[in-house]
């Protein structure tokens, strides 16, 4: 596992979410059960106060300390500091293989993660905590608003090409695959369906789809059974539900020559609105996959682009016409009927996000590769002119701390690009605002830690 250079505030965010790890054990192989995580401490002393932890057969009440590596306990001189005498558990992200011995029970958190550290990192940066703080805040208030907006719009354009490059990388790996553009359309749309919590899971699901196999499907429910089966949702023998049993029966007949299914625990439902549960998103993805084959959806996108007529409205109409199976009008999960009915379509804001983040970059790359530069430029123009998409935790936090009002897609995408590519990576000296504040003002603290 590659060791990301995470700070202790970031590791604390991981520790606070038990979905990120399980089956904790100390370095001397004693089972750990966290009864009470305690209270996060922002002052001197241990990181969490008044916690309760069961280690082996004994219950301890005291503090929990967070570190990057095991040796940090000694390097920070905690063993000689009275403020750390109440620590009952030392949580280290990485095993530094230094073979140091400390007299506090220690757990190596990276050895017990339920998903890759890169997936966790992506989830956390997409969901800043209330303590999130930009290194340049509040000094960035001195910068003229017009300069901020101009910088963000340039970053918004950069983000379009960042997405184009991501698609190009996937495309290059496919070479002579006859379904390469359909695979790109499906995979990146799936990623967008996952929101921040299930993006990587949806990409993994899309990667398991065998397009040659799917091209032979004749029945509508084959698409649904295939995706739900690959997603790990069709293994429960206790569910008595006609729709579920039909899909399970189809999956049981086809699964022998399918990719290894995902594990059900990989999917995140916690803190999601029911309308955004991965079950409903997979239901949409299955119909979307069907339309890719039955209605030549990628070709339809090309036709719309070549027509040049009201592209945004035409794309929105195309995606808005896609409906999930009627089962999902009153279900959020299998066998659990909801008290009220829900739409079988994607919401308008989610459709707008897909058009901005998937369709425009993909079609820009496609028409560029076909040397049809006027249509490629039209995609960029449409991207630049689109009204802003829905705000998320990142854009709201950035808007507040930059003291701006985001009013366009370019500005919205620019704030995301600034956050992801500069702020959280400590690249303040490469940022126009950071350079003004920290370099011109001769300040030396631009690498101070962002609180997550």
Protein backbone atom coordinates (compact mmCIF):
# COMPACT_ATOMS: atom_id res chain seq x y z
CA UNK A 1 0.00 0.00 0.00
CA UNK A 2 1.41 3.36 -1.05
CA UNK A 3 1.88 5.60 1.99
CA UNK A 4 0.15 8.90 1.33
CA UNK A 5 1.59 11.85 3.21
CA UNK A 6 -1.42 12.47 5.44
CA UNK A 7 -1.45 14.91 8.32
CA UNK A 8 -2.87 14.03 11.72
CA UNK A 9 -6.05 16.05 11.21
CA UNK A 10 -6.76 14.01 8.09
CA UNK A 11 -6.04 10.73 9.92
CA UNK A 12 -8.41 11.86 12.66
CA UNK A 13 -11.16 12.17 10.04
CA UNK A 14 -10.51 8.55 9.08
CA UNK A 15 -10.52 7.45 12.72
CA UNK A 16 -13.83 9.21 13.39
CA UNK A 17 -15.60 7.15 10.70
CA UNK A 18 -15.74 3.44 11.65
CA UNK A 19 -16.93 2.58 8.12
CA UNK A 20 -13.34 3.06 6.99
CA UNK A 21 -11.94 0.18 9.06
CA UNK A 22 -12.88 -2.96 10.97
CA UNK A 23 -11.47 -5.85 13.04
CA UNK A 24 -9.03 -3.60 14.89
CA UNK A 25 -6.16 -5.25 16.78
CA UNK A 26 -3.20 -3.90 18.68
CA UNK A 27 0.33 -4.57 17.48
CA UNK A 28 0.48 -7.38 20.08
CA UNK A 29 -2.68 -8.94 18.58
CA UNK A 30 -5.31 -7.92 21.14
CA UNK A 31 -8.82 -7.19 19.83
CA UNK A 32 -9.94 -3.55 20.06
CA UNK A 33 -13.52 -2.37 20.50
CA UNK A 34 -14.17 1.38 20.62
CA UNK A 35 -17.06 1.93 23.01
CA UNK A 36 -16.86 5.74 23.03
CA UNK A 37 -14.60 7.77 20.74
CA UNK A 38 -14.50 10.63 23.21
CA UNK A 39 -14.32 14.32 22.27
CA UNK A 40 -11.98 15.78 19.66
CA UNK A 41 -9.38 17.99 21.37
CA UNK A 42 -8.24 21.14 19.55
CA UNK A 43 -5.87 22.24 22.33
CA UNK A 44 -2.62 20.78 23.57
CA UNK A 45 -2.64 17.19 24.73
CA UNK A 46 -4.07 14.02 23.22
CA UNK A 47 -6.25 14.24 20.10
CA UNK A 48 -9.36 12.64 21.66
CA UNK A 49 -10.35 13.09 25.30
CA UNK A 50 -12.49 10.90 27.57
CA UNK A 51 -12.72 7.87 25.28
CA UNK A 52 -13.66 4.34 26.33
CA UNK A 53 -11.92 1.42 24.67
CA UNK A 54 -12.02 -2.32 25.25
CA UNK A 55 -8.65 -3.94 24.57
CA UNK A 56 -8.62 -7.69 24.92
CA UNK A 57 -10.75 -8.42 27.98
CA UNK A 58 -10.14 -5.08 29.70
CA UNK A 59 -12.02 -1.78 29.39
CA UNK A 60 -10.00 1.44 29.58
CA UNK A 61 -11.18 5.02 29.95
CA UNK A 62 -8.85 7.81 28.90
CA UNK A 63 -7.46 9.53 25.81
CA UNK A 64 -6.62 8.49 22.24
CA UNK A 65 -3.64 9.90 20.35
CA UNK A 66 -3.34 10.01 16.55
CA UNK A 67 -0.02 9.74 14.70
CA UNK A 68 1.31 9.19 11.20
CA UNK A 69 3.74 6.47 12.30
CA UNK A 70 4.48 4.47 15.42
CA UNK A 71 7.78 6.21 16.09
CA UNK A 72 6.02 9.61 16.29
CA UNK A 73 5.04 8.77 19.88
CA UNK A 74 8.70 8.93 20.86
CA UNK A 75 9.73 11.67 18.42
CA UNK A 76 7.03 13.94 19.83
CA UNK A 77 8.26 13.12 23.36
CA UNK A 78 4.82 12.02 24.51
CA UNK A 79 6.43 9.39 26.77
CA UNK A 80 7.89 12.18 28.91
CA UNK A 81 4.94 14.59 28.74
CA UNK A 82 2.43 14.51 31.60
CA UNK A 83 -0.34 15.65 29.21
CA UNK A 84 -0.26 12.20 27.59
CA UNK A 85 -0.30 10.04 30.71
CA UNK A 86 -4.02 9.36 30.21
CA UNK A 87 -3.61 7.93 26.70
CA UNK A 88 -5.08 4.41 26.51
CA UNK A 89 -4.66 3.88 22.75
CA UNK A 90 -2.12 5.14 20.23
CA UNK A 91 -3.51 5.12 16.66
CA UNK A 92 -0.76 5.17 14.02
CA UNK A 93 -1.66 5.33 10.33
CA UNK A 94 1.47 3.55 9.11
CA UNK A 95 3.87 0.95 10.42
CA UNK A 96 7.29 2.55 9.93
CA UNK A 97 9.00 -0.82 10.57
CA UNK A 98 11.27 0.87 13.07
CA UNK A 99 10.61 -1.85 15.67
CA UNK A 100 10.29 0.83 18.33
CA UNK A 101 8.66 -0.24 21.56
CA UNK A 102 6.28 2.02 23.43
CA UNK A 103 4.31 1.34 26.59
CA UNK A 104 0.90 2.33 25.18
CA UNK A 105 -1.35 -0.08 23.25
CA UNK A 106 -0.97 0.75 19.56
CA UNK A 107 -3.01 -0.02 16.43
CA UNK A 108 -1.74 0.36 12.85
CA UNK A 109 -4.84 1.80 11.19
CA UNK A 110 -3.72 1.18 7.57
CA UNK A 111 -3.70 -2.58 8.23
CA UNK A 112 -7.44 -2.59 8.98
CA UNK A 113 -8.92 -0.33 6.28
CA UNK A 114 -12.07 -1.55 4.50
CA UNK A 115 -11.14 0.20 1.24
CA UNK A 116 -8.03 1.68 -0.33
CA UNK A 117 -6.52 4.76 1.24
CA UNK A 118 -6.91 6.54 -2.12
CA UNK A 119 -10.69 5.96 -2.08
CA UNK A 120 -10.88 7.21 1.50
CA UNK A 121 -8.76 10.25 0.64
CA UNK A 122 -11.10 11.10 -2.24
CA UNK A 123 -14.22 10.78 -0.05
CA UNK A 124 -12.80 13.02 2.66
CA UNK A 125 -11.61 15.81 0.38
CA UNK A 126 -15.06 15.81 -1.22
CA UNK A 127 -16.70 16.19 2.19
CA UNK A 128 -14.84 18.82 4.24
CA UNK A 129 -15.64 18.98 7.92
CA UNK A 130 -16.92 22.18 9.58
CA UNK A 131 -13.32 22.71 10.74
CA UNK A 132 -12.04 22.97 7.15
CA UNK A 133 -9.89 26.09 6.76
CA UNK A 134 -7.91 27.34 3.79
CA UNK A 135 -4.27 28.27 4.51
CA UNK A 136 -4.87 31.72 3.01
CA UNK A 137 -8.06 32.43 4.97
CA UNK A 138 -8.86 35.19 5.97
CA UNK A 139 -5.93 36.96 4.26
CA UNK A 140 -7.43 36.22 0.83
CA UNK A 141 -10.09 38.85 1.60
CA UNK A 142 -7.55 41.52 0.59
CA UNK A 143 -7.56 40.31 -3.04
CA UNK A 144 -9.89 42.14 -5.42
CA UNK A 145 -13.03 40.10 -6.22
CA UNK A 146 -12.62 40.62 -9.98
CA UNK A 147 -9.17 39.02 -9.79
CA UNK A 148 -10.59 36.05 -7.87
CA UNK A 149 -13.34 35.46 -10.41
CA UNK A 150 -10.91 35.75 -13.32
CA UNK A 151 -8.55 33.23 -11.72
CA UNK A 152 -11.37 30.80 -10.93
CA UNK A 153 -12.69 30.93 -14.49
CA UNK A 154 -9.23 30.07 -15.83
CA UNK A 155 -9.10 27.17 -13.39
CA UNK A 156 -12.56 26.14 -14.55
CA UNK A 157 -11.22 25.81 -18.10
CA UNK A 158 -8.26 23.85 -16.77
CA UNK A 159 -10.67 21.47 -15.09
CA UNK A 160 -12.36 20.70 -18.41
CA UNK A 161 -8.98 19.65 -19.84
CA UNK A 162 -8.18 17.74 -16.66
CA UNK A 163 -11.32 15.68 -17.30
CA UNK A 164 -10.43 15.33 -20.99
CA UNK A 165 -7.02 13.95 -19.98
CA UNK A 166 -8.63 11.44 -17.60
CA UNK A 167 -10.88 10.19 -20.39
CA UNK A 168 -7.94 10.06 -22.81
CA UNK A 169 -5.97 7.87 -20.39
CA UNK A 170 -8.82 5.35 -20.23
CA UNK A 171 -9.26 5.51 -23.98
CA UNK A 172 -5.58 4.88 -24.69
CA UNK A 173 -5.77 1.68 -22.64
CA UNK A 174 -8.53 0.32 -24.90
CA UNK A 175 -6.73 0.65 -28.25
CA UNK A 176 -8.78 -1.29 -30.86
CA UNK A 177 -11.77 -2.09 -28.63
CA UNK A 178 -14.87 -1.62 -30.82
CA UNK A 179 -16.89 -0.46 -27.81
CA UNK A 180 -14.30 1.97 -26.46
CA UNK A 181 -16.44 5.13 -26.69
CA UNK A 182 -19.49 3.34 -25.30
CA UNK A 183 -17.35 2.10 -22.41
CA UNK A 184 -16.11 5.63 -21.75
CA UNK A 185 -19.67 6.98 -21.77
CA UNK A 186 -20.87 4.26 -19.39
CA UNK A 187 -17.92 4.32 -16.98
CA UNK A 188 -17.78 8.07 -16.45
CA UNK A 189 -21.55 8.39 -16.23
CA UNK A 190 -21.46 5.68 -13.57
CA UNK A 191 -18.80 7.63 -11.70
CA UNK A 192 -21.05 10.69 -11.75
CA UNK A 193 -23.96 8.60 -10.43
CA UNK A 194 -21.88 7.68 -7.39
CA UNK A 195 -21.69 11.22 -5.99
CA UNK A 196 -18.74 11.66 -3.60
CA UNK A 197 -19.33 8.55 -1.50
CA UNK A 198 -19.69 5.88 -4.20
CA UNK A 199 -17.68 7.23 -7.15
CA UNK A 200 -14.89 4.67 -6.97
CA UNK A 201 -17.39 1.86 -6.36
CA UNK A 202 -19.31 2.76 -9.51
CA UNK A 203 -16.09 2.91 -11.52
CA UNK A 204 -15.20 -0.55 -10.22
CA UNK A 205 -18.64 -1.82 -11.22
CA UNK A 206 -18.34 -0.34 -14.72
CA UNK A 207 -14.91 -1.90 -15.10
CA UNK A 208 -16.42 -5.36 -14.50
CA UNK A 209 -18.95 -5.04 -17.34
CA UNK A 210 -18.25 -7.28 -20.34
CA UNK A 211 -19.65 -5.34 -23.31
CA UNK A 212 -19.42 -8.35 -25.63
CA UNK A 213 -21.63 -10.29 -23.22
CA UNK A 214 -24.05 -7.40 -22.75
CA UNK A 215 -24.44 -7.03 -26.52
CA UNK A 216 -26.20 -10.43 -26.53
CA UNK A 217 -28.84 -9.53 -23.93
CA UNK A 218 -32.42 -9.77 -25.18
CA UNK A 219 -34.53 -9.27 -22.05
CA UNK A 220 -34.67 -5.90 -20.22
CA UNK A 221 -34.18 -7.51 -16.82
CA UNK A 222 -30.94 -9.11 -17.94
CA UNK A 223 -29.27 -5.69 -17.75
CA UNK A 224 -30.59 -5.12 -14.23
CA UNK A 225 -29.68 -8.61 -13.01
CA UNK A 226 -26.20 -8.26 -14.50
CA UNK A 227 -25.34 -4.96 -12.79
CA UNK A 228 -26.96 -5.79 -9.46
CA UNK A 229 -25.26 -9.18 -9.52
CA UNK A 230 -21.84 -7.70 -10.28
CA UNK A 231 -22.48 -5.14 -7.54
CA UNK A 232 -22.93 -7.91 -4.97
CA UNK A 233 -26.63 -7.26 -4.30
CA UNK A 234 -28.10 -10.62 -5.37
CA UNK A 235 -26.71 -13.01 -2.77
CA UNK A 236 -29.33 -12.77 -0.02
CA UNK A 237 -31.33 -15.99 0.33
CA UNK A 238 -33.68 -14.41 2.88
CA UNK A 239 -35.26 -11.75 0.67
CA UNK A 240 -38.73 -12.75 -0.49
CA UNK A 241 -39.57 -10.21 -3.17
CA UNK A 242 -40.84 -11.08 -6.63
CA UNK A 243 -38.68 -8.55 -8.48
CA UNK A 244 -35.57 -9.45 -6.49
CA UNK A 245 -36.11 -13.19 -7.02
CA UNK A 246 -36.51 -12.70 -10.78
CA UNK A 247 -33.22 -10.82 -10.96
CA UNK A 248 -31.49 -13.35 -8.71
CA UNK A 249 -32.70 -16.22 -10.89
CA UNK A 250 -31.31 -14.52 -14.02
CA UNK A 251 -28.02 -13.74 -12.25
CA UNK A 252 -27.61 -17.29 -10.95
CA UNK A 253 -27.80 -18.56 -14.54
CA UNK A 254 -25.22 -16.13 -15.93
CA UNK A 255 -22.78 -15.55 -13.06
CA UNK A 256 -20.50 -18.53 -13.77
CA UNK A 257 -18.84 -16.70 -16.67
CA UNK A 258 -19.00 -13.19 -15.20
CA UNK A 259 -16.36 -11.14 -13.39
CA UNK A 260 -15.95 -11.55 -9.64
CA UNK A 261 -18.78 -9.58 -7.97
CA UNK A 262 -18.11 -6.72 -5.61
CA UNK A 263 -18.67 -7.10 -1.88
CA UNK A 264 -21.90 -5.61 -0.56
CA UNK A 265 -20.08 -3.80 2.25
CA UNK A 266 -18.14 -1.73 -0.30
CA UNK A 267 -21.24 0.34 -1.03
CA UNK A 268 -21.96 3.38 1.15
CA UNK A 269 -25.55 4.09 2.20
CA UNK A 270 -24.73 6.01 5.38
CA UNK A 271 -25.69 9.72 5.35
CA UNK A 272 -27.19 9.50 1.85
CA UNK A 273 -30.69 10.61 0.93
CA UNK A 274 -32.68 7.48 -0.02
CA UNK A 275 -33.16 8.81 -3.55
CA UNK A 276 -29.37 8.66 -3.92
CA UNK A 277 -28.90 5.13 -2.58
CA UNK A 278 -26.57 3.07 -4.79
CA UNK A 279 -29.43 0.63 -5.43
CA UNK A 280 -31.44 3.31 -7.25
CA UNK A 281 -28.34 4.55 -9.06
CA UNK A 282 -27.52 1.02 -10.26
CA UNK A 283 -31.13 0.68 -11.42
CA UNK A 284 -30.62 3.81 -13.52
CA UNK A 285 -27.23 2.59 -14.78
CA UNK A 286 -28.79 -0.67 -15.98
CA UNK A 287 -31.35 1.20 -18.12
CA UNK A 288 -28.60 3.53 -19.31
CA UNK A 289 -26.52 0.50 -20.35
CA UNK A 290 -29.52 -0.92 -22.20
CA UNK A 291 -29.97 2.34 -24.11
CA UNK A 292 -26.30 2.38 -25.06
CA UNK A 293 -26.91 -0.89 -26.91
CA UNK A 294 -30.56 -0.80 -27.92
CA UNK A 295 -30.79 2.86 -28.90
CA UNK A 296 -27.17 3.55 -29.85
CA UNK A 297 -26.94 6.29 -27.22
CA UNK A 298 -23.39 7.38 -28.05
CA UNK A 299 -24.37 7.80 -31.70
CA UNK A 300 -27.36 9.87 -30.62
CA UNK A 301 -25.03 12.20 -28.70
CA UNK A 302 -22.93 12.61 -31.84
CA UNK A 303 -26.02 13.45 -33.92
CA UNK A 304 -27.13 16.09 -31.42
CA UNK A 305 -23.63 17.60 -31.39
CA UNK A 306 -23.44 17.78 -35.18
CA UNK A 307 -26.85 19.40 -35.40
CA UNK A 308 -25.61 22.34 -33.33
CA UNK A 309 -29.17 23.09 -32.23
CA UNK A 310 -29.66 23.99 -28.56
CA UNK A 311 -27.17 21.37 -27.38
CA UNK A 312 -27.69 21.75 -23.64
CA UNK A 313 -31.47 21.42 -23.90
CA UNK A 314 -31.16 18.42 -26.25
CA UNK A 315 -28.72 16.64 -23.94
CA UNK A 316 -30.95 17.32 -20.94
CA UNK A 317 -34.00 15.98 -22.80
CA UNK A 318 -32.11 12.83 -23.78
CA UNK A 319 -31.00 12.03 -20.23
CA UNK A 320 -34.32 13.13 -18.76
CA UNK A 321 -36.14 10.54 -20.87
CA UNK A 322 -34.32 7.63 -19.20
CA UNK A 323 -36.50 5.93 -16.57
CA UNK A 324 -35.68 3.20 -14.10
CA UNK A 325 -37.77 0.05 -13.71
CA UNK A 326 -41.23 0.82 -12.19
CA UNK A 327 -40.19 -1.20 -9.12
CA UNK A 328 -38.13 1.76 -7.93
CA UNK A 329 -41.05 4.18 -7.84
CA UNK A 330 -41.76 3.00 -4.29
CA UNK A 331 -38.50 1.29 -3.29
CA UNK A 332 -35.10 2.57 -2.19
CA UNK A 333 -33.76 -0.90 -1.53
CA UNK A 334 -34.82 -4.46 -2.27
CA UNK A 335 -37.97 -5.69 -0.46
CA UNK A 336 -38.33 -2.45 1.54
CA UNK A 337 -41.27 -0.47 0.23
CA UNK A 338 -41.11 3.28 0.80
CA UNK A 339 -44.13 5.21 2.16
CA UNK A 340 -44.14 7.67 -0.76
CA UNK A 341 -43.45 7.51 -4.46
CA UNK A 342 -40.21 8.74 -6.05
CA UNK A 343 -39.39 9.80 -9.56
CA UNK A 344 -37.98 7.18 -11.91
CA UNK A 345 -35.81 9.82 -13.60
CA UNK A 346 -32.59 11.44 -12.52
CA UNK A 347 -32.97 14.89 -11.02
CA UNK A 348 -32.26 17.90 -13.22
CA UNK A 349 -29.19 18.91 -11.18
CA UNK A 350 -27.64 15.44 -11.47
CA UNK A 351 -28.29 15.46 -15.23
CA UNK A 352 -26.64 18.87 -15.46
CA UNK A 353 -23.61 17.54 -13.53
CA UNK A 354 -23.28 14.59 -15.94
CA UNK A 355 -23.48 16.87 -18.97
CA UNK A 356 -20.82 19.21 -17.53
CA UNK A 357 -18.44 16.59 -16.14
CA UNK A 358 -18.87 13.75 -18.65
CA UNK A 359 -20.61 14.69 -21.90
CA UNK A 360 -18.81 17.94 -22.78
CA UNK A 361 -15.28 16.63 -22.02
CA UNK A 362 -15.97 13.30 -23.77
CA UNK A 363 -17.40 14.91 -26.90
CA UNK A 364 -14.63 17.52 -26.96
CA UNK A 365 -12.11 14.67 -27.05
CA UNK A 366 -14.10 12.68 -29.60
CA UNK A 367 -14.45 15.52 -32.10
CA UNK A 368 -10.83 16.59 -31.55
CA UNK A 369 -9.73 13.04 -32.38
CA UNK A 370 -11.90 13.20 -35.52
CA UNK A 371 -10.29 16.54 -36.48
CA UNK A 372 -13.69 18.23 -36.31
CA UNK A 373 -12.37 21.24 -34.40
CA UNK A 374 -15.44 23.51 -34.86
CA UNK A 375 -17.69 21.01 -33.05
CA UNK A 376 -14.97 20.35 -30.44
CA UNK A 377 -14.78 24.09 -29.76
CA UNK A 378 -18.58 24.20 -29.57
CA UNK A 379 -18.41 21.71 -26.69
CA UNK A 380 -16.01 23.98 -24.85
CA UNK A 381 -18.22 26.99 -25.50
CA UNK A 382 -21.27 25.13 -24.16
CA UNK A 383 -19.30 24.12 -21.07
CA UNK A 384 -18.23 27.74 -20.49
CA UNK A 385 -21.75 29.16 -20.94
CA UNK A 386 -23.62 26.65 -18.79
CA UNK A 387 -25.30 27.96 -15.67
CA UNK A 388 -23.66 26.73 -12.50
CA UNK A 389 -24.40 23.19 -11.36
CA UNK A 390 -25.55 22.36 -7.85
CA UNK A 391 -23.28 23.34 -5.00
CA UNK A 392 -21.65 20.71 -2.80
CA UNK A 393 -19.71 20.76 0.47
CA UNK A 394 -16.48 21.75 -1.27
CA UNK A 395 -17.90 24.60 -3.34
CA UNK A 396 -19.89 25.96 -0.39
CA UNK A 397 -16.82 25.94 1.86
CA UNK A 398 -14.63 27.53 -0.82
CA UNK A 399 -17.24 30.18 -1.62
CA UNK A 400 -17.52 31.16 2.02
CA UNK A 401 -13.78 31.34 2.69
CA UNK A 402 -12.94 33.10 -0.56
CA UNK A 403 -15.79 35.57 0.09
CA UNK A 404 -17.25 35.16 -3.40
CA UNK A 405 -20.59 34.25 -4.97
CA UNK A 406 -20.22 31.48 -7.54
CA UNK A 407 -22.50 32.22 -10.50
CA UNK A 408 -21.34 30.03 -13.42
CA UNK A 409 -20.08 26.56 -14.26
CA UNK A 410 -16.59 27.91 -14.94
CA UNK A 411 -16.42 29.51 -11.49
CA UNK A 412 -17.96 26.45 -9.78
CA UNK A 413 -15.55 24.06 -11.49
CA UNK A 414 -12.73 26.49 -10.77
CA UNK A 415 -13.36 26.37 -7.01
CA UNK A 416 -13.28 22.55 -7.12
CA UNK A 417 -10.06 22.55 -9.13
CA UNK A 418 -8.48 25.10 -6.78
CA UNK A 419 -9.42 23.00 -3.75
CA UNK A 420 -8.37 19.62 -5.18
CA UNK A 421 -5.25 20.59 -7.10
CA UNK A 422 -3.81 23.43 -5.05
CA UNK A 423 -5.23 23.97 -1.56
CA UNK A 424 -5.18 20.44 -0.17
CA UNK A 425 -1.84 19.69 -1.85
CA UNK A 426 -0.08 22.65 -0.26
CA UNK A 427 0.65 24.23 -3.67
CA UNK A 428 -0.05 27.73 -2.36
CA UNK A 429 3.13 29.12 -3.93
CA UNK A 430 1.82 28.00 -7.38
CA UNK A 431 -1.61 29.58 -6.84
CA UNK A 432 -2.16 33.18 -7.96
CA UNK A 433 -3.89 34.07 -4.70
CA UNK A 434 -1.38 32.15 -2.60
CA UNK A 435 1.54 33.79 -4.37
CA UNK A 436 0.10 37.22 -3.71
CA UNK A 437 -0.52 36.53 -0.03
CA UNK A 438 2.41 34.37 0.96
CA UNK A 439 5.17 35.28 -1.49
CA UNK A 440 4.65 39.01 -1.99
CA UNK A 441 3.93 39.49 1.68
CA UNK A 442 7.03 37.40 2.51
CA UNK A 443 5.02 35.12 4.78
CA UNK A 444 6.42 31.69 5.47
CA UNK A 445 3.34 29.83 6.70
CA UNK A 446 1.63 28.87 3.43
CA UNK A 447 2.22 25.20 4.17
CA UNK A 448 0.29 25.30 7.42
CA UNK A 449 -2.14 22.43 7.68
CA UNK A 450 -5.68 22.65 6.39
CA UNK A 451 -8.04 21.34 9.05
CA UNK A 452 -10.26 18.55 7.76
